Protein backbone atom coordinates (compact mmCIF):
# COMPACT_ATOMS: atom_id res chain seq x y z
CA UNK A 1 -21.70 -9.31 30.04
CA UNK A 2 -19.35 -12.18 28.31
CA UNK A 3 -15.65 -11.15 28.91
CA UNK A 4 -13.53 -11.68 26.16
CA UNK A 5 -9.67 -12.68 26.05
CA UNK A 6 -6.76 -11.04 23.90
CA UNK A 7 -4.25 -14.17 23.66
CA UNK A 8 -0.48 -12.95 22.54
CA UNK A 9 1.55 -14.73 20.57
CA UNK A 10 5.03 -13.12 23.14
CA UNK A 11 6.27 -16.03 25.55
CA UNK A 12 9.38 -16.12 27.73
CA UNK A 13 10.92 -19.43 28.28
CA UNK A 14 13.29 -20.70 30.98
CA UNK A 15 17.48 -21.56 30.15
CA UNK A 16 18.05 -25.24 30.59
CA UNK A 17 21.57 -24.18 30.96
CA UNK A 18 23.52 -23.03 33.61
CA UNK A 19 24.78 -19.38 32.51
CA UNK A 20 28.62 -18.88 33.05
CA UNK A 21 29.47 -22.39 31.44
CA UNK A 22 31.67 -20.85 28.80
CA UNK A 23 29.98 -19.32 25.26
CA UNK A 24 27.41 -22.06 24.89
CA UNK A 25 26.69 -21.59 28.72
CA UNK A 26 24.03 -18.36 28.38
CA UNK A 27 21.97 -19.60 24.68
CA UNK A 28 20.11 -22.73 26.23
CA UNK A 29 16.59 -21.53 25.43
CA UNK A 30 13.34 -23.85 24.85
CA UNK A 31 12.17 -23.39 21.27
CA UNK A 32 9.61 -21.02 20.26
CA UNK A 33 9.56 -18.89 23.39
CA UNK A 34 11.79 -15.72 24.07
CA UNK A 35 13.76 -14.14 27.35
CA UNK A 36 16.01 -11.96 28.28
CA UNK A 37 19.30 -11.12 25.57
CA UNK A 38 22.35 -11.94 26.64
CA UNK A 39 24.37 -8.97 27.18
CA UNK A 40 25.75 -7.34 24.34
CA UNK A 41 28.67 -4.93 25.10
CA UNK A 42 30.29 -2.75 22.19
CA UNK A 43 33.58 -1.28 22.51
CA UNK A 44 33.99 2.11 22.21
CA UNK A 45 34.75 2.75 17.64
CA UNK A 46 38.74 3.10 17.72
CA UNK A 47 38.73 5.49 14.98
CA UNK A 48 35.82 7.95 15.79
CA UNK A 49 36.70 9.51 19.03
CA UNK A 50 33.69 10.25 21.00
CA UNK A 51 31.86 8.88 18.67
CA UNK A 52 29.18 6.46 19.87
CA UNK A 53 29.09 3.03 19.06
CA UNK A 54 27.85 1.56 15.80
CA UNK A 55 26.39 -1.01 16.96
CA UNK A 56 23.49 -1.27 19.66
CA UNK A 57 21.95 -3.56 22.28
CA UNK A 58 18.71 -3.81 21.58
CA UNK A 59 16.67 -3.83 25.37
CA UNK A 60 14.14 -5.75 24.86
CA UNK A 61 13.86 -9.05 25.33
CA UNK A 62 13.41 -11.37 22.36
CA UNK A 63 10.50 -12.62 20.62
CA UNK A 64 10.70 -15.55 19.41
CA UNK A 65 9.07 -17.81 15.95
CA UNK A 66 9.16 -21.32 15.75
CA UNK A 67 11.41 -22.94 13.15
CA UNK A 68 9.09 -23.45 10.48
CA UNK A 69 8.52 -26.77 9.05
CA UNK A 70 11.98 -28.49 7.91
CA UNK A 71 11.84 -29.05 3.68
CA UNK A 72 13.53 -31.94 2.20
CA UNK A 73 17.51 -30.66 1.42
CA UNK A 74 17.27 -29.69 -1.87
CA UNK A 75 20.76 -31.46 -4.14
CA UNK A 76 22.37 -29.21 -6.22
CA UNK A 77 23.85 -30.87 -9.21
CA UNK A 78 28.30 -30.80 -8.81
CA UNK A 79 29.17 -28.41 -12.05
CA UNK A 80 31.55 -29.78 -14.54
CA UNK A 81 34.69 -29.78 -14.15
CA UNK A 82 38.64 -31.57 -13.86
CA UNK A 83 37.74 -32.45 -10.07
CA UNK A 84 34.16 -32.12 -9.34
CA UNK A 85 33.25 -31.62 -5.20
CA UNK A 86 32.20 -35.00 -4.07
CA UNK A 87 28.09 -35.24 -2.56
CA UNK A 88 28.16 -34.94 1.09
CA UNK A 89 28.09 -38.41 2.67
CA UNK A 90 29.73 -40.53 0.11
CA UNK A 91 33.69 -39.51 0.51
CA UNK A 92 35.80 -40.02 -1.92
CA UNK A 93 38.10 -43.37 -0.88
CA UNK A 94 41.72 -42.85 0.08
CA UNK A 95 44.32 -44.99 -0.69
CA UNK A 96 45.60 -47.54 1.53
CA UNK A 97 49.21 -47.03 3.34
CA UNK A 98 51.22 -49.28 0.80
CA UNK A 99 49.39 -47.72 -2.78
CA UNK A 100 49.82 -44.42 -4.69
CA UNK A 101 47.14 -42.20 -5.07
CA UNK A 102 45.74 -43.22 -8.14
CA UNK A 103 44.60 -40.24 -10.41
CA UNK A 104 41.10 -39.44 -11.11
CA UNK A 105 42.18 -39.69 -15.21
CA UNK A 106 44.90 -42.31 -15.68
CA UNK A 107 44.86 -42.04 -19.34
CA UNK A 108 46.20 -37.73 -18.75
CA UNK A 109 48.03 -37.90 -15.47
CA UNK A 110 48.62 -33.87 -15.65
CA UNK A 111 48.46 -31.90 -11.92
CA UNK A 112 45.80 -30.61 -10.98
CA UNK A 113 44.87 -26.89 -11.18
CA UNK A 114 43.18 -25.38 -8.24
CA UNK A 115 39.35 -24.82 -9.18
CA UNK A 116 38.05 -21.09 -8.16
CA UNK A 117 34.90 -21.29 -6.26
CA UNK A 118 31.42 -20.63 -7.98
CA UNK A 119 30.08 -17.76 -5.10
CA UNK A 120 26.86 -17.52 -7.45
CA UNK A 121 24.50 -15.71 -5.61
CA UNK A 122 25.74 -15.76 -2.33
CA UNK A 123 25.51 -12.01 -2.25
CA UNK A 124 21.78 -13.05 -1.20
CA UNK A 125 18.96 -14.88 0.30
CA UNK A 126 17.70 -17.84 -2.22
CA UNK A 127 13.89 -17.18 -2.29
CA UNK A 128 13.08 -20.71 -0.69
CA UNK A 129 15.47 -19.86 2.11
CA UNK A 130 19.24 -21.08 3.09
CA UNK A 131 19.76 -23.78 5.32
CA UNK A 132 21.76 -25.57 8.04
CA UNK A 133 22.10 -29.32 7.39
CA UNK A 134 24.07 -32.16 9.53
CA UNK A 135 25.32 -35.48 7.83
CA UNK A 136 25.62 -38.33 10.14
CA UNK A 137 28.56 -40.63 10.55
CA UNK A 138 26.27 -43.49 7.84
CA UNK A 139 26.35 -40.14 5.10
CA UNK A 140 22.15 -39.51 5.94
CA UNK A 141 22.05 -35.82 5.35
CA UNK A 142 19.31 -34.13 7.26
CA UNK A 143 17.99 -30.40 7.36
CA UNK A 144 18.21 -28.43 10.42
CA UNK A 145 17.72 -25.17 9.84
CA UNK A 146 16.03 -23.02 6.88
CA UNK A 147 14.69 -19.38 6.90
CA UNK A 148 15.30 -16.63 4.40
CA UNK A 149 19.32 -14.80 5.25
CA UNK A 150 22.53 -14.76 4.30
CA UNK A 151 24.24 -17.55 6.63
CA UNK A 152 28.18 -16.23 7.49
CA UNK A 153 29.52 -17.61 10.19
CA UNK A 154 28.79 -21.05 11.97
CA UNK A 155 30.93 -22.09 15.57
CA UNK A 156 30.24 -25.64 17.45
CA UNK A 157 29.57 -27.01 21.03
CA UNK A 158 28.52 -29.97 22.65
CA UNK A 159 25.73 -30.13 19.54
CA UNK A 160 24.98 -27.01 20.11
CA UNK A 161 25.47 -24.33 17.12
CA UNK A 162 25.20 -20.70 16.95
CA UNK A 163 24.95 -19.38 13.38
CA UNK A 164 26.22 -15.73 12.38
CA UNK A 165 23.45 -14.20 9.74
CA UNK A 166 22.43 -11.08 7.30
CA UNK A 167 19.56 -9.47 5.79
CA UNK A 168 18.72 -6.57 4.01
CA UNK A 169 17.72 -4.88 7.35
CA UNK A 170 19.42 -6.46 10.47
CA UNK A 171 21.94 -8.90 11.42
CA UNK A 172 20.80 -11.88 13.88
CA UNK A 173 23.06 -14.24 16.36
CA UNK A 174 20.96 -17.59 15.90
CA UNK A 175 20.56 -20.76 17.96
CA UNK A 176 20.08 -24.04 17.34
CA UNK A 177 19.80 -27.47 18.91
CA UNK A 178 19.22 -30.54 16.33
CA UNK A 179 19.21 -32.87 18.92
CA UNK A 180 15.91 -31.23 20.60
CA UNK A 181 14.61 -29.13 17.32
CA UNK A 182 15.03 -25.68 19.08
CA UNK A 183 15.71 -22.78 17.72
CA UNK A 184 15.56 -19.46 18.94
CA UNK A 185 17.45 -15.75 18.53
CA UNK A 186 19.69 -15.04 20.59
CA UNK A 187 20.02 -11.14 19.52
CA UNK A 188 19.91 -8.39 17.11
CA UNK A 189 22.68 -5.87 16.04
CA UNK A 190 20.95 -2.65 13.03
CA UNK A 191 24.01 -3.29 10.68
CA UNK A 192 23.00 -5.43 7.95
CA UNK A 193 25.90 -8.82 8.30
CA UNK A 194 27.19 -10.24 11.18
CA UNK A 195 30.50 -12.16 8.91
CA UNK A 196 32.68 -13.86 11.95
CA UNK A 197 31.99 -15.40 14.97
CA UNK A 198 34.61 -16.27 17.61
CA UNK A 199 34.27 -18.03 21.22
CA UNK A 200 37.13 -17.28 23.67
CA UNK A 201 37.98 -18.65 26.27
CA UNK A 202 36.42 -16.32 29.20
CA UNK A 203 33.33 -17.18 28.04
CA UNK A 204 32.57 -14.45 25.82
CA UNK A 205 32.08 -14.39 21.71
CA UNK A 206 33.61 -11.40 19.71
CA UNK A 207 31.06 -10.82 16.68
CA UNK A 208 32.78 -9.19 13.63
CA UNK A 209 30.34 -6.95 12.17
CA UNK A 210 30.06 -5.14 8.39
CA UNK A 211 27.42 -2.62 7.06
CA UNK A 212 28.61 -0.87 8.87
CA UNK A 213 32.34 -2.13 10.08
CA UNK A 214 32.67 -2.89 14.22
CA UNK A 215 33.05 -5.29 16.58
CA UNK A 216 30.82 -6.66 19.43
CA UNK A 217 31.20 -8.97 22.44
CA UNK A 218 28.00 -11.12 24.04
CA UNK A 219 28.46 -12.56 27.07
CA UNK A 220 27.65 -15.59 29.27
CA UNK A 221 24.46 -15.38 31.26
CA UNK A 222 21.15 -12.67 31.08
CA UNK A 223 21.62 -9.66 30.94
CA UNK A 224 20.90 -7.51 34.16
CA UNK A 225 17.22 -5.81 32.75
CA UNK A 226 15.28 -6.19 29.46
CA UNK A 227 12.12 -5.66 28.72
CA UNK A 228 9.62 -6.93 26.35
CA UNK A 229 6.57 -4.74 24.60
CA UNK A 230 3.66 -6.58 23.34
CA UNK A 231 1.74 -5.27 19.21
CA UNK A 232 -0.97 -3.59 19.82
CA UNK A 233 -3.92 -5.37 20.57
CA UNK A 234 -7.13 -5.14 19.04
CA UNK A 235 -10.66 -5.67 21.02
CA UNK A 236 -12.25 -4.53 17.84
CA UNK A 237 -14.35 -2.25 20.18
CA UNK A 238 -14.17 0.13 22.85
CA UNK A 239 -13.68 -2.19 25.87
CA UNK A 240 -13.63 -2.17 29.53
CA UNK A 241 -10.23 -4.38 30.09
CA UNK A 242 -10.54 -6.55 32.74
CA UNK A 243 -7.17 -8.46 34.59
CA UNK A 244 -3.92 -9.50 32.91
CA UNK A 245 -3.28 -13.27 33.64
CA UNK A 246 -0.06 -14.61 33.55
CA UNK A 247 2.25 -18.35 33.30
CA UNK A 248 5.40 -18.59 33.96
CA UNK A 249 8.08 -18.70 37.00
CA UNK A 250 10.31 -16.24 38.83
CA UNK A 251 12.68 -17.28 40.51
CA UNK A 252 14.10 -16.50 43.78
CA UNK A 253 16.38 -13.16 43.05
CA UNK A 254 14.39 -11.82 39.61
CA UNK A 255 11.81 -9.38 39.43
CA UNK A 256 9.56 -9.11 36.55
CA UNK A 257 6.88 -6.28 36.83
CA UNK A 258 3.76 -5.07 34.09
CA UNK A 259 3.26 -1.78 32.52
CA UNK A 260 -0.29 -1.47 30.06
CA UNK A 261 -0.98 1.57 27.98
CA UNK A 262 -4.61 2.34 26.05
CA UNK A 263 -6.03 4.23 22.72
CA UNK A 264 -8.96 5.07 20.62
CA UNK A 265 -6.15 4.85 17.21
CA UNK A 266 -3.94 1.97 16.32
CA UNK A 267 -0.64 3.51 15.59
CA UNK A 268 0.25 3.55 19.21
CA UNK A 269 3.27 6.67 18.47
CA UNK A 270 -0.31 8.83 17.38
CA UNK A 271 -2.15 10.92 20.18
CA UNK A 272 -4.63 9.90 22.10
CA UNK A 273 -3.12 6.98 23.32
CA UNK A 274 -2.86 6.75 27.64
CA UNK A 275 0.32 7.37 29.37
CA UNK A 276 2.39 3.91 30.76
CA UNK A 277 0.72 3.23 33.93
CA UNK A 278 2.74 2.55 36.86
CA UNK A 279 4.97 -0.62 37.06
CA UNK A 280 3.49 -3.29 38.78
CA UNK A 281 4.66 -6.57 40.70
CA UNK A 282 4.51 -9.86 38.66
CA UNK A 283 1.08 -12.07 40.05
CA UNK A 284 -0.91 -14.15 38.52
CA UNK A 285 -4.00 -11.81 38.26
CA UNK A 286 -2.76 -8.05 37.40
CA UNK A 287 -5.95 -5.36 37.31
CA UNK A 288 -4.76 -3.51 34.17
CA UNK A 289 -5.44 0.18 35.17
CA UNK A 290 -5.18 1.75 31.98
CA UNK A 291 -8.31 3.58 30.35
CA UNK A 292 -11.75 1.80 28.22
CA UNK A 293 -10.21 2.29 24.66
CA UNK A 294 -10.11 -0.61 21.50
CA UNK A 295 -6.44 -1.32 21.16
CA UNK A 296 -3.95 -1.89 24.20
CA UNK A 297 -0.59 -2.67 24.51
CA UNK A 298 1.34 -4.23 27.74
CA UNK A 299 5.21 -4.14 28.67
CA UNK A 300 7.01 -6.73 30.54
CA UNK A 301 9.96 -5.50 32.38
CA UNK A 302 12.12 -8.29 33.24
CA UNK A 303 15.19 -8.00 36.23
CA UNK A 304 18.03 -11.15 36.12
CA UNK A 305 19.37 -9.77 39.10
CA UNK A 306 23.07 -10.80 39.22
CA UNK A 307 22.71 -12.75 35.69
CA UNK A 308 21.64 -16.49 37.28
CA UNK A 309 18.13 -16.28 36.61
CA UNK A 310 15.81 -14.42 34.72
CA UNK A 311 12.03 -14.78 35.20
CA UNK A 312 9.88 -16.75 32.52
CA UNK A 313 6.34 -15.75 31.11
CA UNK A 314 4.83 -18.45 29.29
CA UNK A 315 1.67 -17.06 27.94
CA UNK A 316 -0.01 -13.58 28.86
CA UNK A 317 -4.20 -13.75 28.42
CA UNK A 318 -6.12 -10.66 28.44
CA UNK A 319 -9.78 -10.62 30.05
CA UNK A 320 -11.87 -7.19 28.25
CA UNK A 321 -15.99 -6.80 28.17
CA UNK A 322 -17.20 -5.03 25.37
CA UNK A 323 -20.49 -2.59 26.31
CA UNK A 324 -23.52 -3.67 24.88
CA UNK A 325 -23.73 -2.79 21.56
CA UNK A 326 -27.70 -2.16 19.65
CA UNK A 327 -28.23 -4.57 16.85
CA UNK A 328 -28.47 -2.76 12.66
CA UNK A 329 -30.97 -3.88 10.78
CA UNK A 330 -29.88 -2.93 7.46
CA UNK A 331 -32.52 -3.58 5.38
CA UNK A 332 -36.52 -4.90 5.49
CA UNK A 333 -38.37 -6.17 2.40
CA UNK A 334 -41.47 -7.13 2.10
CA UNK A 335 -41.76 -9.92 -1.45
CA UNK A 336 -44.32 -8.46 -3.79
CA UNK A 337 -44.47 -4.75 -2.58
CA UNK A 338 -42.77 -3.19 -5.89
CA UNK A 339 -46.19 -2.69 -8.39
CA UNK A 340 -45.41 -2.91 -12.17
CA UNK A 341 -45.88 -0.13 -14.52
CA UNK A 342 -48.89 0.78 -16.54
CA UNK A 343 -49.75 -1.17 -20.16
CA UNK A 344 -50.26 -0.02 -23.15
CA UNK A 345 -49.42 0.18 -26.78
CA UNK A 346 -46.22 -1.57 -27.28
CA UNK A 347 -44.94 -0.58 -23.67
CA UNK A 348 -44.00 -4.00 -21.54
CA UNK A 349 -48.19 -4.79 -20.41
CA UNK A 350 -48.97 -6.69 -17.13
CA UNK A 351 -51.96 -7.46 -18.56
CA UNK A 352 -51.12 -9.58 -21.67
CA UNK A 353 -51.15 -13.08 -20.18
CA UNK A 354 -48.03 -14.12 -19.89
CA UNK A 355 -46.68 -10.62 -17.59
CA UNK A 356 -50.47 -11.00 -15.82
CA UNK A 357 -49.87 -10.90 -12.05
CA UNK A 358 -51.88 -13.88 -9.96
CA UNK A 359 -53.83 -12.52 -6.79
CA UNK A 360 -51.88 -13.71 -3.41
CA UNK A 361 -52.87 -12.67 -0.24
CA UNK A 362 -49.75 -13.75 0.75
CA UNK A 363 -46.46 -11.23 1.49
CA UNK A 364 -42.54 -12.61 2.69
CA UNK A 365 -41.61 -9.63 4.94
CA UNK A 366 -37.36 -10.86 5.32
CA UNK A 367 -34.68 -8.54 7.28
CA UNK A 368 -31.16 -8.33 7.40
CA UNK A 369 -30.07 -8.04 11.11
CA UNK A 370 -26.33 -8.21 12.83
CA UNK A 371 -25.77 -7.70 16.44
CA UNK A 372 -22.22 -5.99 16.92
CA UNK A 373 -21.74 -8.09 20.04
CA UNK A 374 -22.91 -11.65 18.25
CA UNK A 375 -25.82 -11.58 20.32
CA UNK A 376 -28.57 -13.84 19.95
CA UNK A 377 -31.93 -11.53 18.35
CA UNK A 378 -35.43 -11.78 18.86
CA UNK A 379 -37.72 -9.89 16.70
CA UNK A 380 -41.63 -7.92 16.87
CA UNK A 381 -43.25 -7.00 13.90
CA UNK A 382 -45.73 -4.19 13.80
CA UNK A 383 -47.90 -3.00 10.61
CA UNK A 384 -49.72 0.32 10.17
CA UNK A 385 -51.41 2.16 7.49
CA UNK A 386 -49.00 4.87 6.29
CA UNK A 387 -50.40 7.93 7.83
CA UNK A 388 -51.57 6.71 11.39
CA UNK A 389 -51.01 5.71 14.52
CA UNK A 390 -49.85 3.54 16.16
CA UNK A 391 -48.15 0.60 15.24
CA UNK A 392 -50.45 -2.46 15.54
CA UNK A 393 -48.41 -5.68 16.76
CA UNK A 394 -48.58 -8.25 14.14
CA UNK A 395 -46.31 -10.67 15.56
CA UNK A 396 -43.48 -11.24 18.08
CA UNK A 397 -40.50 -13.27 19.61
CA UNK A 398 -39.53 -14.21 16.02
CA UNK A 399 -35.95 -15.90 16.17
CA UNK A 400 -35.74 -16.39 11.63
CA UNK A 401 -34.90 -12.69 9.72
CA UNK A 402 -38.65 -14.19 7.43
CA UNK A 403 -42.20 -13.99 8.01
CA UNK A 404 -45.28 -14.96 6.17
CA UNK A 405 -48.13 -12.24 6.75
CA UNK A 406 -51.24 -13.18 5.10
CA UNK A 407 -52.96 -9.91 4.39
CA UNK A 408 -56.59 -11.22 3.93
CA UNK A 409 -57.59 -9.99 6.95
CA UNK A 410 -56.50 -6.78 6.60
CA UNK A 411 -58.31 -3.72 5.35
CA UNK A 412 -57.29 -2.84 1.21
CA UNK A 413 -54.01 0.08 1.57
CA UNK A 414 -50.74 2.02 1.77
CA UNK A 415 -48.94 0.13 4.66
CA UNK A 416 -45.96 0.20 6.40
CA UNK A 417 -43.82 -2.80 8.18
CA UNK A 418 -41.59 -2.10 11.38
CA UNK A 419 -38.87 -4.63 12.50
CA UNK A 420 -37.91 -4.35 15.89
CA UNK A 421 -34.79 -6.31 17.00
CA UNK A 422 -34.22 -7.16 20.85
CA UNK A 423 -30.50 -8.25 22.38
CA UNK A 424 -32.47 -8.78 25.43
CA UNK A 425 -31.46 -12.23 25.81
CA UNK A 426 -27.97 -12.23 25.49
CA UNK A 427 -27.42 -9.37 28.56
CA UNK A 428 -28.60 -9.29 32.11
CA UNK A 429 -31.75 -7.84 32.84
CA UNK A 430 -32.75 -4.20 32.04
CA UNK A 431 -29.66 -4.18 29.99
CA UNK A 432 -30.93 -5.11 26.58
CA UNK A 433 -30.98 -2.90 23.50
CA UNK A 434 -33.14 -2.68 20.73
CA UNK A 435 -33.06 -1.59 16.86
CA UNK A 436 -35.14 -1.09 14.69
CA UNK A 437 -36.26 -0.38 11.16
CA UNK A 438 -39.57 0.82 9.10
CA UNK A 439 -39.57 -0.53 5.36
CA UNK A 440 -40.77 1.20 2.48
CA UNK A 441 -44.97 1.69 1.69
CA UNK A 442 -46.29 -1.82 0.73
CA UNK A 443 -49.51 -1.73 -1.11
CA UNK A 444 -51.96 -4.51 0.16
CA UNK A 445 -55.06 -4.94 -2.59
CA UNK A 446 -57.34 -8.03 -1.51
CA UNK A 447 -60.09 -6.74 -3.84
CA UNK A 448 -61.25 -6.75 -7.24
CA UNK A 449 -61.51 -4.10 -9.60
CA UNK A 450 -66.13 -3.45 -10.37
CA UNK A 451 -67.39 -3.42 -13.99
CA UNK A 452 -70.54 -0.62 -14.77
CA UNK A 453 -71.81 1.04 -17.39
CA UNK A 454 -71.80 -1.86 -19.38
CA UNK A 455 -73.89 -1.59 -22.93
CA UNK A 456 -73.72 -2.74 -26.14
CA UNK A 457 -75.25 -2.50 -29.62
CA UNK A 458 -74.91 -3.05 -32.96
CA UNK A 459 -73.50 -0.93 -35.48
CA UNK A 460 -73.94 -3.25 -39.62
CA UNK A 461 -72.77 -6.94 -38.98
CA UNK A 462 -70.64 -5.37 -36.11
CA UNK A 463 -71.42 -5.70 -31.87
CA UNK A 464 -69.71 -2.94 -29.78
CA UNK A 465 -69.30 -3.30 -26.27
CA UNK A 466 -69.57 -0.36 -23.94
CA UNK A 467 -67.94 -1.19 -19.55
CA UNK A 468 -65.69 0.99 -16.92
CA UNK A 469 -63.62 -0.79 -15.15
CA UNK A 470 -63.17 0.86 -11.48
CA UNK A 471 -60.67 -0.27 -8.98
CA UNK A 472 -60.96 1.14 -5.01
CA UNK A 473 -57.20 0.83 -3.86
CA UNK A 474 -54.72 -0.01 -7.04
CA UNK A 475 -55.02 0.32 -10.97
CA UNK A 476 -56.01 -1.05 -13.07
CA UNK A 477 -54.10 -3.70 -14.99
CA UNK A 478 -55.86 -5.59 -17.36
CA UNK A 479 -59.76 -6.16 -19.60
CA UNK A 480 -60.37 -9.03 -21.95
CA UNK A 481 -63.14 -10.62 -23.11
CA UNK A 482 -64.00 -14.14 -25.07
CA UNK A 483 -66.81 -15.54 -26.39
CA UNK A 484 -68.92 -17.72 -25.72
CA UNK A 485 -67.10 -19.69 -23.19
CA UNK A 486 -64.34 -20.08 -25.56
CA UNK A 487 -60.79 -20.42 -23.30
CA UNK A 488 -58.64 -17.68 -24.92
CA UNK A 489 -59.27 -14.20 -23.81
CA UNK A 490 -58.42 -11.49 -25.95
CA UNK A 491 -56.69 -8.25 -23.66
CA UNK A 492 -58.51 -4.71 -25.31
CA UNK A 493 -56.83 -1.50 -24.80
CA UNK A 494 -58.96 1.03 -23.25
CA UNK A 495 -60.20 4.26 -24.43
CA UNK A 496 -56.96 6.59 -23.71
CA UNK A 497 -54.36 3.79 -24.61
CA UNK A 498 -53.25 2.93 -21.17
CA UNK A 499 -53.47 1.18 -18.11
CA UNK A 500 -52.77 3.27 -15.93
CA UNK A 501 -56.18 4.74 -13.01
CA UNK A 502 -57.84 3.56 -10.81
CA UNK A 503 -60.95 4.11 -13.36
CA UNK A 504 -60.61 3.28 -17.19
CA UNK A 505 -62.82 3.30 -19.82
CA UNK A 506 -63.25 0.10 -21.97
CA UNK A 507 -64.90 0.24 -25.84
CA UNK A 508 -64.29 -2.04 -28.29
CA UNK A 509 -65.73 -4.10 -31.15
CA UNK A 510 -66.62 -7.71 -32.00
CA UNK A 511 -66.46 -8.40 -35.85
CA UNK A 512 -67.58 -11.19 -37.75
CA UNK A 513 -70.41 -12.64 -35.58
CA UNK A 514 -72.90 -14.71 -36.55
CA UNK A 515 -76.46 -14.08 -36.94
CA UNK A 516 -78.34 -15.73 -33.28
CA UNK A 517 -77.96 -15.20 -29.48
CA UNK A 518 -73.84 -14.97 -28.14
CA UNK A 519 -72.67 -14.76 -24.56
CA UNK A 520 -69.56 -12.87 -23.59
CA UNK A 521 -67.19 -12.33 -21.20
CA UNK A 522 -65.74 -9.65 -19.78
CA UNK A 523 -63.31 -9.95 -17.15
CA UNK A 524 -60.79 -6.38 -15.72
CA UNK A 525 -57.51 -7.65 -12.84
CA UNK A 526 -55.77 -4.95 -11.52
CA UNK A 527 -52.08 -4.76 -10.80
CA UNK A 528 -52.16 -7.04 -7.59
CA UNK A 529 -53.98 -9.82 -9.52
CA UNK A 530 -57.58 -9.25 -8.20
CA UNK A 531 -60.14 -10.51 -11.18
CA UNK A 532 -63.73 -9.61 -11.68
CA UNK A 533 -66.22 -11.13 -14.44
CA UNK A 534 -69.50 -9.90 -15.84
CA UNK A 535 -71.26 -11.15 -18.64
CA UNK A 536 -73.61 -10.03 -21.35
CA UNK A 537 -75.84 -11.65 -23.81
CA UNK A 538 -76.31 -10.61 -27.09
CA UNK A 539 -78.46 -11.47 -29.97
CA UNK A 540 -77.63 -10.62 -33.67
CA UNK A 541 -80.79 -9.17 -35.21
CA UNK A 542 -82.60 -8.13 -31.67
CA UNK A 543 -82.49 -4.07 -30.91
CA UNK A 544 -82.71 -5.61 -26.78
CA UNK A 545 -79.98 -7.49 -24.58
CA UNK A 546 -80.20 -9.01 -21.57
CA UNK A 547 -77.33 -8.56 -19.18
CA UNK A 548 -76.31 -11.21 -16.75
CA UNK A 549 -74.06 -11.11 -13.67
């Protein structure tokens, strides 16, 4: 069987800075990747006795998403007022050293009043997100960050920015390196807002937190230990897991281990999941010890030793093998297998010229088949008369799900068609699987009806013709006549008024025929379109008739 791979979107990247160099030393990482989080230290609440800290550091390593594509900066039109703020990048000209300041309105030299700050919707994240812009010395404005969060505080060190954010669910410290176009999350807290940031000379960063209020500190360097638990990975079927392949680096003094678990329900918290396996030292290829299942999770445990270096995992690939499953055949259809209903009176009748079936021995067999492993399928077709064994091979090793069957060489009767699908070509010898499905019974009838007991008699000026039409396999659908080789055929009904059986008695009268000889052609048709013809010669005024077949 072919092996498949689950490639996770979690990646862990090395630091491009040196831990311990001020508050920025431990925050440098490559974009769209994660590593072990910096240490987050929480002081005990001063007013709550032994109450646990209101904010806890995440133990899991942080999986980071790439910064979304930047949108063009949205410019706001200043609100009218006596002293609108100048646009970014276009500072107001300042008076020279020997020139007096020029008021905004020379005609009304009144003192400037303090203007209120327009808070607008500062308490909500805008639908398109909030942004950080960089303005260069020439006044050019560039958007360097946009996310659907509140940006509540920001500090800068040597071109690296730390943003304090807030949202309805959690708050984050986000690091930006605009020159490298890198964005990553350094820490996440359970409170809803981080309102202020204060870098300290010893390298710590203090956080002022709201909802609920508390104070936290984040130290430079790496945390001593951190874990990353993958999302639940879906193999779509119960599968046997092979090896996990890791790409990354393991600096001296750091430790990385891996554990896995598996289950057959999507929620890893439900019963039915296996226990976490023993921690396995990280290698490029690691044998997965969890039992076969549909879902899998892995956990990476990082240990940075003294906090100076962290293991790095660039990507994770998991090989798995789905057991060979049999093909599936949803339906088998044979075109023309359905017979029209009997005709008579005012009901819809196949015996009318527009609705009369045309005899055609070709039957189109089609089927709907698939394979859960996406294996290549081949098909064998069999047929048999209903109620008889064994099956007779009709065609083998078909690659398309359709076949034209010429039934001219098949005796009349009711038949079944069997389709057998096999995936043997996509599996090792002896390990292929098959599936089959039988069609509904179909009617094969290539023999026309027989016209018999044909006689005629003259009644006054009219001619009465009587006959029987008999079909040994299907229902008689119509009887028609034409006089003196006319192209117009006239339908006549049976004695009981409806064509609904294999034997029908027909009696009809011809009126207004001139005296002398005439030829009447008779045509009987069954529901499969097979037709039989007879001719009767009559002579108006002569009591005898010659019947010619």
